[in-house]
Structure formats: C-alpha cells, structure tokens
C-alpha cells in the first residue's frame, strides 16, 4: 500500500457532501486513508473539514470546471510530496427523471456533462498522480456507475445514456492504462439510500398531463418501492475499500438486492426486453 500524506495512502473522491460520497469518505478514513474530497462550495468544505478531522482535506470544484479541477490536482500533488496517489473515486453525479422527448435540454446536457464528461475531466487531471514509480505501485480508479449503465429503462433516459457511456469510458481507460498497471473498476449500483433520486422522482409530476402520464406515474411508484429495499450507502463504501485493498479483482461489481434482474434484461434479445420493460410500466 502506498504511503503518502501523513504516512498514509491517499485517495481522491468526488461529490462527498452527502450520500454515497460521504459514506465512502468516512469508510476510507476509518480504514486509515487520507482523503481529498470534492464539494462545490466553501460552506460544505468547511463543514466537512470540521466534522471529519485532519485526515480529510476538502477540494472545492464542480467537475464541469476544468480549470478548478486542474488546480485541485496541483494542490493534491503538493501534498503527496512525490508519492503516488493510491486511488481516485469518481462519484459525483446527477439524475434526471422524464421521457427523453420532453426532458428539459439543460437537464439532459447536465447529465452528460457531470456523469460522463466530468469523469473524464477529473480522471485526466489526477491520472499523472496515479502512475507508479520504481518504489510504488500504481493507483486505482473506481467509477460509481449504475445498473442503468447496462439496462435502458423508460423515464430514466438521460441517466441511462450517461451511465452507458461511462461504462464505455471505463473500458477504454482500463485497456489504455493496462501497460501502466492502473486498473479501472465500475461499481454498478441499484437503488441506494441517497438524496439523488428524491428530486428526480418529484420532477415526474411535470409529465402528469403529457402523453407519458401513465408511464411516469407507474415509474414513480416503482422507484418508491425500490427505495424501501435500497441498500445503504455503506455497501458501496465497503466495496470501495475491498477494491483498494486488492480483495476484489473484477472489472465491475453489481450492488443491488435485485441485480440479477438487470443482468437478465441486459442479455435478453432486445425485442423481448422492450416488451417486458414497457409492460411493467403500462400494466
């Protein structure tokens, strides 16, 4: 395990103000890591720094702000003192609910900008710090993806498109970085107890008078039921720890009580999957 800040391995995590990101940071700190976590404003940065203690250092940037991301990478570099960054967790993300035809352009573009382009921006900025040396092994990259990255579902189009693209991006990075020894792993979660879907589900009200009314109503009900069976954010945090510790060797992990359904739909003939998915939303 690489030694860096305060003689502990260091990890960068994006989107740590709450939910999954916060859980990942807390678990990493409990396991002895030093963590650099990104938030979008100084208020959150100060609050987290006070709550999490000396093993946490806030980074203030939006993943869409290339210059600020690069500045954050330079700051982390100075704190590493020439050591290798142990890991990068691309967690920051957004979700938008609604039919792809009617979804607000800004909401659709934000999904792509944050969930996909932002991941590339952050990864490219911190990648030089992950490269190994004669005395230290390379770091790892973990992308917090989704089962929506392998199955396309109605009313969830923007999220699915961004996460499918993220899965492709992960494959490309992993294969291009294989000679450097930098592994890239996806965590494909199902429903997780997080705030990300609360607003998205509420946004479904905008389509109650549209042609998609029945589908939107049923989709919201399915999301509400799924939330009751959602895994805690700690499940993702524990998987992150296992990956960094080398206890998990796969390129992707499916975290959900019903993950088999998504895997099943992903391998079905497309017409069969079309029928099953649509019927579940129209019956």
Foldseek 3Di string as FASTA:
>chain_A
DWQFFVGAAEEEEEDCLDFLNVLLVQLCVVVPYQYEYEDADPVSQVVCCVVVDDSYHYQHDQLLDLVSLLVVLVVVVVRRVPIAHAEYELEDAAFAFAAPVPDDPVVLVRRQSRLPVSVVSNCVSNVVRQFADPVGAGHEYEYAAALLLLDPAGRRHSNSVSRVVVVVVQVVCQVVCVVRVYHYAYEHEYAEPDPRCVVNLVVLVVCCPPPCNQLSVLVSVVNVVQNVQHHYSNVVSVVVVCVSVVVDDDRYHYHGPPSVVSVVLSPDPPVVSVVVRVVSRRD
